[in-house]
């Protein structure tokens, strides 16, 4: 049986960068957006370590903001390097998905 975990893991970082690139947001909202777009297996235990890794790579920065619904939330925004990396991800994804699509649709 095919394990899609590794495939998803490699894709999530780029998708998270794109989501954060659209607007400054927080972890739970990122998870909800990923689920909305079809990453139904995504959990908080997956998202937060990725956000820490992206922050350590200086692709995103964070700040705590007061939340009207409870404790402060950690909001994320892209750095300049993060914006460049998100753009590179899009180009790489397009190349890979086109090549994969050609293989998968090829008839014998």
PDB file of N, CA and C in Angstrom:
ATOM      1  N   UNK A   1       0.850  -1.187   0.000  1.00  0.00           N
ATOM      2  CA  UNK A   1       0.000   0.000   0.000  1.00  0.00           C
ATOM      3  C   UNK A   1       0.895   1.249   0.000  1.00  0.00           C
ATOM      4  N   UNK A   2       0.505   2.239  -0.742  1.00  0.00           N
ATOM      5  CA  UNK A   2       1.269   3.483  -0.860  1.00  0.00           C
ATOM      6  C   UNK A   2       1.109   4.334   0.399  1.00  0.00           C
ATOM      7  N   UNK A   3       2.229   4.813   0.940  1.00  0.00           N
ATOM      8  CA  UNK A   3       2.234   5.674   2.123  1.00  0.00           C
ATOM      9  C   UNK A   3       2.337   7.121   1.657  1.00  0.00           C
ATOM     10  N   UNK A   4       1.237   7.842   1.722  1.00  0.00           N
ATOM     11  CA  UNK A   4       1.240   9.225   1.225  1.00  0.00           C
ATOM     12  C   UNK A   4       1.837  10.219   2.217  1.00  0.00           C
ATOM     13  N   UNK A   5       2.239   9.745   3.401  1.00  0.00           N
ATOM     14  CA  UNK A   5       2.795  10.625   4.425  1.00  0.00           C
ATOM     15  C   UNK A   5       4.026  11.369   3.920  1.00  0.00           C
ATOM     16  N   UNK A   6       4.958  10.652   3.301  1.00  0.00           N
ATOM     17  CA  UNK A   6       6.186  11.289   2.818  1.00  0.00           C
ATOM     18  C   UNK A   6       5.896  12.286   1.700  1.00  0.00           C
ATOM     19  N   UNK A   7       4.979  11.934   0.822  1.00  0.00           N
ATOM     20  CA  UNK A   7       4.598  12.829  -0.266  1.00  0.00           C
ATOM     21  C   UNK A   7       3.975  14.105   0.300  1.00  0.00           C
ATOM     22  N   UNK A   8       3.086  13.952   1.270  1.00  0.00           N
ATOM     23  CA  UNK A   8       2.427  15.105   1.885  1.00  0.00           C
ATOM     24  C   UNK A   8       3.422  15.963   2.661  1.00  0.00           C
ATOM     25  N   UNK A   9       4.334  15.312   3.361  1.00  0.00           N
ATOM     26  CA  UNK A   9       5.311  16.027   4.187  1.00  0.00           C
ATOM     27  C   UNK A   9       6.150  16.991   3.344  1.00  0.00           C
ATOM     28  N   UNK A  10       6.577  16.538   2.185  1.00  0.00           N
ATOM     29  CA  UNK A  10       7.381  17.378   1.311  1.00  0.00           C
ATOM     30  C   UNK A  10       6.616  18.515   0.686  1.00  0.00           C
ATOM     31  N   UNK A  11       5.320  18.387   0.626  1.00  0.00           N
ATOM     32  CA  UNK A  11       4.471  19.391  -0.016  1.00  0.00           C
ATOM     33  C   UNK A  11       3.969  20.446   0.971  1.00  0.00           C
ATOM     34  N   UNK A  12       3.796  20.041   2.207  1.00  0.00           N
ATOM     35  CA  UNK A  12       3.183  20.934   3.201  1.00  0.00           C
ATOM     36  C   UNK A  12       3.966  22.220   3.443  1.00  0.00           C
ATOM     37  N   UNK A  13       5.286  22.152   3.486  1.00  0.00           N
ATOM     38  CA  UNK A  13       6.063  23.367   3.754  1.00  0.00           C
ATOM     39  C   UNK A  13       5.759  24.439   2.716  1.00  0.00           C
ATOM     40  N   UNK A  14       5.778  24.049   1.440  1.00  0.00           N
ATOM     41  CA  UNK A  14       5.481  25.012   0.380  1.00  0.00           C
ATOM     42  C   UNK A  14       4.062  25.543   0.467  1.00  0.00           C
ATOM     43  N   UNK A  15       3.118  24.669   0.769  1.00  0.00           N
ATOM     44  CA  UNK A  15       1.718  25.099   0.895  1.00  0.00           C
ATOM     45  C   UNK A  15       1.536  26.050   2.080  1.00  0.00           C
ATOM     46  N   UNK A  16       2.205  25.759   3.176  1.00  0.00           N
ATOM     47  CA  UNK A  16       2.125  26.645   4.347  1.00  0.00           C
ATOM     48  C   UNK A  16       2.713  28.014   4.010  1.00  0.00           C
ATOM     49  N   UNK A  17       3.830  28.034   3.309  1.00  0.00           N
ATOM     50  CA  UNK A  17       4.406  29.328   2.908  1.00  0.00           C
ATOM     51  C   UNK A  17       3.424  30.114   2.042  1.00  0.00           C
ATOM     52  N   UNK A  18       2.756  29.443   1.127  1.00  0.00           N
ATOM     53  CA  UNK A  18       1.787  30.131   0.268  1.00  0.00           C
ATOM     54  C   UNK A  18       0.619  30.678   1.092  1.00  0.00           C
ATOM     55  N   UNK A  19       0.132  29.909   2.037  1.00  0.00           N
ATOM     56  CA  UNK A  19      -0.983  30.358   2.883  1.00  0.00           C
ATOM     57  C   UNK A  19      -0.569  31.589   3.691  1.00  0.00           C
ATOM     58  N   UNK A  20       0.605  31.526   4.305  1.00  0.00           N
ATOM     59  CA  UNK A  20       1.088  32.657   5.101  1.00  0.00           C
ATOM     60  C   UNK A  20       1.369  33.853   4.196  1.00  0.00           C
ATOM     61  N   UNK A  21       1.778  33.595   2.956  1.00  0.00           N
ATOM     62  CA  UNK A  21       2.049  34.675   2.007  1.00  0.00           C
ATOM     63  C   UNK A  21       0.805  35.461   1.626  1.00  0.00           C
ATOM     64  N   UNK A  22      -0.358  34.814   1.707  1.00  0.00           N
ATOM     65  CA  UNK A  22      -1.609  35.516   1.389  1.00  0.00           C
ATOM     66  C   UNK A  22      -2.007  36.490   2.496  1.00  0.00           C
ATOM     67  N   UNK A  23      -1.745  36.092   3.748  1.00  0.00           N
ATOM     68  CA  UNK A  23      -2.081  36.954   4.882  1.00  0.00           C
ATOM     69  C   UNK A  23      -1.398  36.449   6.142  1.00  0.00           C
ATOM     70  N   UNK A  24      -1.087  37.351   7.043  1.00  0.00           N
ATOM     71  CA  UNK A  24      -0.542  36.980   8.338  1.00  0.00           C
ATOM     72  C   UNK A  24      -1.598  36.144   9.048  1.00  0.00           C
ATOM     73  N   UNK A  25      -1.192  35.011   9.590  1.00  0.00           N
ATOM     74  CA  UNK A  25      -2.162  34.094  10.176  1.00  0.00           C
ATOM     75  C   UNK A  25      -1.522  33.290  11.303  1.00  0.00           C
ATOM     76  N   UNK A  26      -2.307  32.491  11.984  1.00  0.00           N
ATOM     77  CA  UNK A  26      -1.831  31.691  13.114  1.00  0.00           C
ATOM     78  C   UNK A  26      -2.005  30.201  12.818  1.00  0.00           C
ATOM     79  N   UNK A  27      -1.371  29.366  13.613  1.00  0.00           N
ATOM     80  CA  UNK A  27      -1.280  27.940  13.353  1.00  0.00           C
ATOM     81  C   UNK A  27      -2.592  27.223  13.125  1.00  0.00           C
ATOM     82  N   UNK A  28      -3.566  27.430  14.004  1.00  0.00           N
ATOM     83  CA  UNK A  28      -4.834  26.707  13.865  1.00  0.00           C
ATOM     84  C   UNK A  28      -5.549  27.109  12.583  1.00  0.00           C
ATOM     85  N   UNK A  29      -5.470  28.384  12.230  1.00  0.00           N
ATOM     86  CA  UNK A  29      -6.104  28.853  10.994  1.00  0.00           C
ATOM     87  C   UNK A  29      -5.407  28.244   9.767  1.00  0.00           C
ATOM     88  N   UNK A  30      -4.094  28.100   9.832  1.00  0.00           N
ATOM     89  CA  UNK A  30      -3.352  27.450   8.747  1.00  0.00           C
ATOM     90  C   UNK A  30      -3.842  26.012   8.591  1.00  0.00           C
ATOM     91  N   UNK A  31      -3.999  25.308   9.697  1.00  0.00           N
ATOM     92  CA  UNK A  31      -4.472  23.932   9.665  1.00  0.00           C
ATOM     93  C   UNK A  31      -5.879  23.857   9.052  1.00  0.00           C
ATOM     94  N   UNK A  32      -6.751  24.765   9.448  1.00  0.00           N
ATOM     95  CA  UNK A  32      -8.105  24.777   8.894  1.00  0.00           C
ATOM     96  C   UNK A  32      -8.095  25.013   7.383  1.00  0.00           C
ATOM     97  N   UNK A  33      -7.235  25.900   6.924  1.00  0.00           N
ATOM     98  CA  UNK A  33      -7.145  26.169   5.481  1.00  0.00           C
ATOM     99  C   UNK A  33      -6.626  24.951   4.733  1.00  0.00           C
ATOM    100  N   UNK A  34      -5.613  24.290   5.283  1.00  0.00           N
ATOM    101  CA  UNK A  34      -5.093  23.080   4.651  1.00  0.00           C
ATOM    102  C   UNK A  34      -6.183  22.016   4.540  1.00  0.00           C
ATOM    103  N   UNK A  35      -6.943  21.832   5.593  1.00  0.00           N
ATOM    104  CA  UNK A  35      -8.046  20.871   5.574  1.00  0.00           C
ATOM    105  C   UNK A  35      -9.076  21.278   4.519  1.00  0.00           C
ATOM    106  N   UNK A  36      -9.403  22.556   4.468  1.00  0.00           N
ATOM    107  CA  UNK A  36     -10.363  23.065   3.478  1.00  0.00           C
ATOM    108  C   UNK A  36      -9.918  22.748   2.048  1.00  0.00           C
ATOM    109  N   UNK A  37      -8.606  22.860   1.795  1.00  0.00           N
ATOM    110  CA  UNK A  37      -8.078  22.611   0.458  1.00  0.00           C
ATOM    111  C   UNK A  37      -7.878  21.127   0.157  1.00  0.00           C
ATOM    112  N   UNK A  38      -8.117  20.255   1.130  1.00  0.00           N
ATOM    113  CA  UNK A  38      -8.056  18.821   0.860  1.00  0.00           C
ATOM    114  C   UNK A  38      -7.028  18.028   1.630  1.00  0.00           C
ATOM    115  N   UNK A  39      -6.233  18.668   2.455  1.00  0.00           N
ATOM    116  CA  UNK A  39      -5.269  17.952   3.297  1.00  0.00           C
ATOM    117  C   UNK A  39      -5.994  17.486   4.557  1.00  0.00           C
ATOM    118  N   UNK A  40      -6.895  16.522   4.381  1.00  0.00           N
ATOM    119  CA  UNK A  40      -7.790  16.118   5.468  1.00  0.00           C
ATOM    120  C   UNK A  40      -7.092  15.381   6.605  1.00  0.00           C
ATOM    121  N   UNK A  41      -5.883  14.870   6.367  1.00  0.00           N
ATOM    122  CA  UNK A  41      -5.165  14.137   7.409  1.00  0.00           C
ATOM    123  C   UNK A  41      -4.272  15.026   8.265  1.00  0.00           C
ATOM    124  N   UNK A  42      -4.253  16.317   8.006  1.00  0.00           N
ATOM    125  CA  UNK A  42      -3.368  17.236   8.727  1.00  0.00           C
ATOM    126  C   UNK A  42      -3.870  17.457  10.146  1.00  0.00           C
ATOM    127  N   UNK A  43      -2.923  17.423  11.079  1.00  0.00           N
ATOM    128  CA  UNK A  43      -3.238  17.646  12.491  1.00  0.00           C
ATOM    129  C   UNK A  43      -2.285  18.687  13.069  1.00  0.00           C
ATOM    130  N   UNK A  44      -2.637  19.203  14.228  1.00  0.00           N
ATOM    131  CA  UNK A  44      -1.800  20.206  14.886  1.00  0.00           C
ATOM    132  C   UNK A  44      -0.389  19.674  15.133  1.00  0.00           C
ATOM    133  N   UNK A  45      -0.275  18.387  15.433  1.00  0.00           N
ATOM    134  CA  UNK A  45       1.021  17.779  15.682  1.00  0.00           C
ATOM    135  C   UNK A  45       1.921  17.768  14.457  1.00  0.00           C
ATOM    136  N   UNK A  46       1.335  18.003  13.311  1.00  0.00           N
ATOM    137  CA  UNK A  46       2.100  18.109  12.070  1.00  0.00           C
ATOM    138  C   UNK A  46       2.447  19.560  11.780  1.00  0.00           C
ATOM    139  N   UNK A  47       1.502  20.451  11.968  1.00  0.00           N
ATOM    140  CA  UNK A  47       1.643  21.857  11.587  1.00  0.00           C
ATOM    141  C   UNK A  47       2.659  22.593  12.454  1.00  0.00           C
ATOM    142  N   UNK A  48       2.548  22.477  13.749  1.00  0.00           N
ATOM    143  CA  UNK A  48       3.399  23.289  14.625  1.00  0.00           C
ATOM    144  C   UNK A  48       4.892  22.975  14.496  1.00  0.00           C
ATOM    145  N   UNK A  49       5.296  21.703  14.382  1.00  0.00           N
ATOM    146  CA  UNK A  49       6.725  21.456  14.134  1.00  0.00           C
ATOM    147  C   UNK A  49       7.200  22.037  12.792  1.00  0.00           C
ATOM    148  N   UNK A  50       6.337  22.023  11.779  1.00  0.00           N
ATOM    149  CA  UNK A  50       6.693  22.628  10.493  1.00  0.00           C
ATOM    150  C   UNK A  50       6.874  24.134  10.635  1.00  0.00           C
ATOM    151  N   UNK A  51       6.016  24.774  11.401  1.00  0.00           N
ATOM    152  CA  UNK A  51       6.133  26.221  11.611  1.00  0.00           C
ATOM    153  C   UNK A  51       7.440  26.542  12.349  1.00  0.00           C
ATOM    154  N   UNK A  52       7.798  25.734  13.323  1.00  0.00           N
ATOM    155  CA  UNK A  52       9.066  25.932  14.042  1.00  0.00           C
ATOM    156  C   UNK A  52      10.238  25.791  13.065  1.00  0.00           C
ATOM    157  N   UNK A  53      10.185  24.760  12.216  1.00  0.00           N
ATOM    158  CA  UNK A  53      11.259  24.543  11.245  1.00  0.00           C
ATOM    159  C   UNK A  53      11.352  25.697  10.253  1.00  0.00           C
ATOM    160  N   UNK A  54      10.221  26.187   9.758  1.00  0.00           N
ATOM    161  CA  UNK A  54      10.220  27.316   8.824  1.00  0.00           C
ATOM    162  C   UNK A  54      10.765  28.579   9.477  1.00  0.00           C
ATOM    163  N   UNK A  55      10.466  28.746  10.764  1.00  0.00           N
ATOM    164  CA  UNK A  55      10.977  29.912  11.490  1.00  0.00           C
ATOM    165  C   UNK A  55      12.492  29.795  11.702  1.00  0.00           C
ATOM    166  N   UNK A  56      12.979  28.604  12.006  1.00  0.00           N
ATOM    167  CA  UNK A  56      14.416  28.399  12.179  1.00  0.00           C
ATOM    168  C   UNK A  56      15.177  28.629  10.875  1.00  0.00           C
ATOM    169  N   UNK A  57      14.527  28.360   9.740  1.00  0.00           N
ATOM    170  CA  UNK A  57      15.138  28.586   8.426  1.00  0.00           C
ATOM    171  C   UNK A  57      15.020  30.048   7.991  1.00  0.00           C
ATOM    172  N   UNK A  58      14.427  30.885   8.852  1.00  0.00           N
ATOM    173  CA  UNK A  58      14.206  32.307   8.568  1.00  0.00           C
ATOM    174  C   UNK A  58      13.316  32.538   7.348  1.00  0.00           C
ATOM    175  N   UNK A  59      12.359  31.626   7.130  1.00  0.00           N
ATOM    176  CA  UNK A  59      11.400  31.782   6.045  1.00  0.00           C
ATOM    177  C   UNK A  59      10.138  32.487   6.534  1.00  0.00           C
ATOM    178  N   UNK A  60       9.876  32.363   7.833  1.00  0.00           N
ATOM    179  CA  UNK A  60       8.746  33.054   8.455  1.00  0.00           C
ATOM    180  C   UNK A  60       9.212  33.685   9.757  1.00  0.00           C
ATOM    181  N   UNK A  61       8.464  34.674  10.203  1.00  0.00           N
ATOM    182  CA  UNK A  61       8.683  35.297  11.515  1.00  0.00           C
ATOM    183  C   UNK A  61       7.352  35.280  12.242  1.00  0.00           C
ATOM    184  N   UNK A  62       7.414  35.376  13.554  1.00  0.00           N
ATOM    185  CA  UNK A  62       6.185  35.331  14.341  1.00  0.00           C
ATOM    186  C   UNK A  62       6.147  36.456  15.361  1.00  0.00           C
ATOM    187  N   UNK A  63       4.929  36.733  15.787  1.00  0.00           N
ATOM    188  CA  UNK A  63       4.697  37.690  16.866  1.00  0.00           C
ATOM    189  C   UNK A  63       3.402  37.304  17.572  1.00  0.00           C
ATOM    190  N   UNK A  64       3.369  37.543  18.862  1.00  0.00           N
ATOM    191  CA  UNK A  64       2.161  37.262  19.617  1.00  0.00           C
ATOM    192  C   UNK A  64       1.225  38.459  19.541  1.00  0.00           C
ATOM    193  N   UNK A  65      -0.045  38.150  19.320  1.00  0.00           N
ATOM    194  CA  UNK A  65      -1.075  39.187  19.277  1.00  0.00           C
ATOM    195  C   UNK A  65      -2.208  38.795  20.207  1.00  0.00           C
ATOM    196  N   UNK A  66      -2.828  39.793  20.785  1.00  0.00           N
ATOM    197  CA  UNK A  66      -3.964  39.561  21.663  1.00  0.00           C
ATOM    198  C   UNK A  66      -5.114  39.002  20.835  1.00  0.00           C
ATOM    199  N   UNK A  67      -5.770  37.988  21.397  1.00  0.00           N
ATOM    200  CA  UNK A  67      -6.914  37.375  20.732  1.00  0.00           C
ATOM    201  C   UNK A  67      -8.186  37.785  21.454  1.00  0.00           C
ATOM    202  N   UNK A  68      -9.230  38.129  20.704  1.00  0.00           N
ATOM    203  CA  UNK A  68     -10.491  38.487  21.357  1.00  0.00           C
ATOM    204  C   UNK A  68     -11.178  37.275  21.990  1.00  0.00           C
ATOM    205  N   UNK A  69     -10.722  36.060  21.652  1.00  0.00           N
ATOM    206  CA  UNK A  69     -11.385  34.847  22.120  1.00  0.00           C
ATOM    207  C   UNK A  69     -10.618  34.085  23.186  1.00  0.00           C
ATOM    208  N   UNK A  70      -9.561  34.674  23.730  1.00  0.00           N
ATOM    209  CA  UNK A  70      -8.797  33.955  24.751  1.00  0.00           C
ATOM    210  C   UNK A  70      -7.366  34.424  24.816  1.00  0.00           C
ATOM    211  N   UNK A  71      -6.461  33.471  25.033  1.00  0.00           N
ATOM    212  CA  UNK A  71      -5.047  33.844  25.164  1.00  0.00           C
ATOM    213  C   UNK A  71      -4.466  34.378  23.857  1.00  0.00           C
ATOM    214  N   UNK A  72      -3.326  35.035  23.961  1.00  0.00           N
ATOM    215  CA  UNK A  72      -2.644  35.572  22.787  1.00  0.00           C
ATOM    216  C   UNK A  72      -2.328  34.448  21.805  1.00  0.00           C
ATOM    217  N   UNK A  73      -2.319  34.814  20.524  1.00  0.00           N
ATOM    218  CA  UNK A  73      -1.993  33.854  19.469  1.00  0.00           C
ATOM    219  C   UNK A  73      -0.680  34.246  18.812  1.00  0.00           C
ATOM    220  N   UNK A  74       0.045  33.243  18.345  1.00  0.00           N
ATOM    221  CA  UNK A  74       1.286  33.464  17.629  1.00  0.00           C
ATOM    222  C   UNK A  74       0.940  33.569  16.139  1.00  0.00           C
ATOM    223  N   UNK A  75       1.139  34.749  15.589  1.00  0.00           N
ATOM    224  CA  UNK A  75       0.853  35.006  14.177  1.00  0.00           C
ATOM    225  C   UNK A  75       2.141  34.947  13.376  1.00  0.00           C
ATOM    226  N   UNK A  76       2.020  34.436  12.158  1.00  0.00           N
ATOM    227  CA  UNK A  76       3.179  34.250  11.284  1.00  0.00           C
ATOM    228  C   UNK A  76       3.060  35.087  10.021  1.00  0.00           C
ATOM    229  N   UNK A  77       4.193  35.594   9.558  1.00  0.00           N
ATOM    230  CA  UNK A  77       4.259  36.271   8.259  1.00  0.00           C
ATOM    231  C   UNK A  77       5.568  35.862   7.577  1.00  0.00           C
ATOM    232  N   UNK A  78       5.589  35.993   6.256  1.00  0.00           N
ATOM    233  CA  UNK A  78       6.767  35.595   5.493  1.00  0.00           C
ATOM    234  C   UNK A  78       7.879  36.629   5.606  1.00  0.00           C
ATOM    235  N   UNK A  79       9.089  36.143   5.568  1.00  0.00           N
ATOM    236  CA  UNK A  79      10.255  37.015   5.414  1.00  0.00           C
ATOM    237  C   UNK A  79      10.474  37.176   3.905  1.00  0.00           C
ATOM    238  N   UNK A  80      11.433  38.004   3.536  1.00  0.00           N
ATOM    239  CA  UNK A  80      11.765  38.160   2.114  1.00  0.00           C
ATOM    240  C   UNK A  80      12.215  36.817   1.541  1.00  0.00           C
ATOM    241  N   UNK A  81      13.054  36.114   2.282  1.00  0.00           N
ATOM    242  CA  UNK A  81      13.518  34.798   1.850  1.00  0.00           C
ATOM    243  C   UNK A  81      12.350  33.819   1.756  1.00  0.00           C
ATOM    244  N   UNK A  82      11.404  33.933   2.663  1.00  0.00           N
ATOM    245  CA  UNK A  82      10.216  33.079   2.628  1.00  0.00           C
ATOM    246  C   UNK A  82       9.379  33.320   1.382  1.00  0.00           C
ATOM    247  N   UNK A  83       9.241  34.580   0.990  1.00  0.00           N
ATOM    248  CA  UNK A  83       8.499  34.907  -0.241  1.00  0.00           C
ATOM    249  C   UNK A  83       9.201  34.324  -1.460  1.00  0.00           C
ATOM    250  N   UNK A  84      10.518  34.441  -1.484  1.00  0.00           N
ATOM    251  CA  UNK A  84      11.288  33.889  -2.606  1.00  0.00           C
ATOM    252  C   UNK A  84      11.181  32.371  -2.640  1.00  0.00           C
ATOM    253  N   UNK A  85      11.233  31.738  -1.481  1.00  0.00           N
ATOM    254  CA  UNK A  85      11.132  30.286  -1.398  1.00  0.00           C
ATOM    255  C   UNK A  85       9.741  29.816  -1.823  1.00  0.00           C
ATOM    256  N   UNK A  86       8.702  30.558  -1.442  1.00  0.00           N
ATOM    257  CA  UNK A  86       7.339  30.204  -1.859  1.00  0.00           C
ATOM    258  C   UNK A  86       7.213  30.259  -3.380  1.00  0.00           C
ATOM    259  N   UNK A  87       7.803  31.274  -3.999  1.00  0.00           N
ATOM    260  CA  UNK A  87       7.765  31.395  -5.467  1.00  0.00           C
ATOM    261  C   UNK A  87       8.531  30.243  -6.114  1.00  0.00           C
ATOM    262  N   UNK A  88       9.672  29.869  -5.542  1.00  0.00           N
ATOM    263  CA  UNK A  88      10.449  28.743  -6.060  1.00  0.00           C
ATOM    264  C   UNK A  88       9.665  27.439  -5.928  1.00  0.00           C
ATOM    265  N   UNK A  89       8.943  27.288  -4.818  1.00  0.00           N
ATOM    266  CA  UNK A  89       8.111  26.102  -4.610  1.00  0.00           C
ATOM    267  C   UNK A  89       7.062  25.985  -5.706  1.00  0.00           C
ATOM    268  N   UNK A  90       6.404  27.090  -6.022  1.00  0.00           N
ATOM    269  CA  UNK A  90       5.359  27.071  -7.057  1.00  0.00           C
ATOM    270  C   UNK A  90       5.941  26.598  -8.383  1.00  0.00           C
ATOM    271  N   UNK A  91       7.080  27.133  -8.785  1.00  0.00           N
ATOM    272  CA  UNK A  91       7.704  26.730 -10.046  1.00  0.00           C
ATOM    273  C   UNK A  91       8.095  25.250 -10.022  1.00  0.00           C
ATOM    274  N   UNK A  92       8.698  24.808  -8.930  1.00  0.00           N
ATOM    275  CA  UNK A  92       9.102  23.405  -8.816  1.00  0.00           C
ATOM    276  C   UNK A  92       7.879  22.493  -8.843  1.00  0.00           C
ATOM    277  N   UNK A  93       6.824  22.892  -8.142  1.00  0.00           N
ATOM    278  CA  UNK A  93       5.604  22.094  -8.104  1.00  0.00           C
ATOM    279  C   UNK A  93       4.989  21.983  -9.503  1.00  0.00           C
ATOM    280  N   UNK A  94       4.971  23.067 -10.234  1.00  0.00           N
ATOM    281  CA  UNK A  94       4.413  23.033 -11.587  1.00  0.00           C
ATOM    282  C   UNK A  94       5.202  22.072 -12.469  1.00  0.00           C
ATOM    283  N   UNK A  95       6.514  22.127 -12.403  1.00  0.00           N
ATOM    284  CA  UNK A  95       7.347  21.219 -13.203  1.00  0.00           C
ATOM    285  C   UNK A  95       7.105  19.763 -12.825  1.00  0.00           C
ATOM    286  N   UNK A  96       7.103  19.482 -11.536  1.00  0.00           N
ATOM    287  CA  UNK A  96       6.929  18.112 -11.064  1.00  0.00           C
ATOM    288  C   UNK A  96       5.527  17.600 -11.379  1.00  0.00           C
ATOM    289  N   UNK A  97       4.516  18.422 -11.144  1.00  0.00           N
ATOM    290  CA  UNK A  97       3.144  17.953 -11.382  1.00  0.00           C
ATOM    291  C   UNK A  97       2.879  17.745 -12.874  1.00  0.00           C
ATOM    292  N   UNK A  98       3.464  18.570 -13.731  1.00  0.00           N
ATOM    293  CA  UNK A  98       3.302  18.368 -15.173  1.00  0.00           C
ATOM    294  C   UNK A  98       3.974  17.077 -15.616  1.00  0.00           C
ATOM    295  N   UNK A  99       5.189  16.846 -15.150  1.00  0.00           N
ATOM    296  CA  UNK A  99       5.902  15.609 -15.510  1.00  0.00           C
ATOM    297  C   UNK A  99       5.156  14.389 -14.989  1.00  0.00           C
ATOM    298  N   UNK A 100       4.699  14.455 -13.753  1.00  0.00           N
ATOM    299  CA  UNK A 100       3.944  13.343 -13.163  1.00  0.00           C
ATOM    300  C   UNK A 100       2.650  13.125 -13.934  1.00  0.00           C
ATOM    301  N   UNK A 101       1.977  14.198 -14.281  1.00  0.00           N
ATOM    302  CA  UNK A 101       0.737  14.090 -15.043  1.00  0.00           C
ATOM    303  C   UNK A 101       0.938  13.409 -16.389  1.00  0.00           C
ATOM    304  N   UNK A 102       2.028  13.736 -17.054  1.00  0.00           N
ATOM    305  CA  UNK A 102       2.329  13.089 -18.335  1.00  0.00           C
ATOM    306  C   UNK A 102       2.544  11.594 -18.156  1.00  0.00           C
ATOM    307  N   UNK A 103       3.249  11.225 -17.123  1.00  0.00           N
ATOM    308  CA  UNK A 103       3.486   9.797 -16.853  1.00  0.00           C
ATOM    309  C   UNK A 103       2.193   9.080 -16.512  1.00  0.00           C
ATOM    310  N   UNK A 104       1.395   9.679 -15.638  1.00  0.00           N
ATOM    311  CA  UNK A 104       0.180   9.016 -15.179  1.00  0.00           C
ATOM    312  C   UNK A 104      -0.886   8.901 -16.260  1.00  0.00           C
ATOM    313  N   UNK A 105      -0.885   9.799 -17.206  1.00  0.00           N
ATOM    314  CA  UNK A 105      -1.911   9.763 -18.253  1.00  0.00           C
ATOM    315  C   UNK A 105      -1.442   9.066 -19.522  1.00  0.00           C
ATOM    316  N   UNK A 106      -0.195   8.651 -19.537  1.00  0.00           N
ATOM    317  CA  UNK A 106       0.343   7.977 -20.723  1.00  0.00           C
ATOM    318  C   UNK A 106      -0.295   6.601 -20.873  1.00  0.00           C
ATOM    319  N   UNK A 107      -0.744   6.328 -22.063  1.00  0.00           N
ATOM    320  CA  UNK A 107      -1.340   5.017 -22.333  1.00  0.00           C
ATOM    321  C   UNK A 107      -0.331   4.132 -23.037  1.00  0.00           C
ATOM    322  N   UNK A 108      -0.419   2.845 -22.797  1.00  0.00           N
ATOM    323  CA  UNK A 108       0.483   1.886 -23.463  1.00  0.00           C
ATOM    324  C   UNK A 108      -0.093   1.453 -24.781  1.00  0.00           C
TER     325      UNK A 108
END
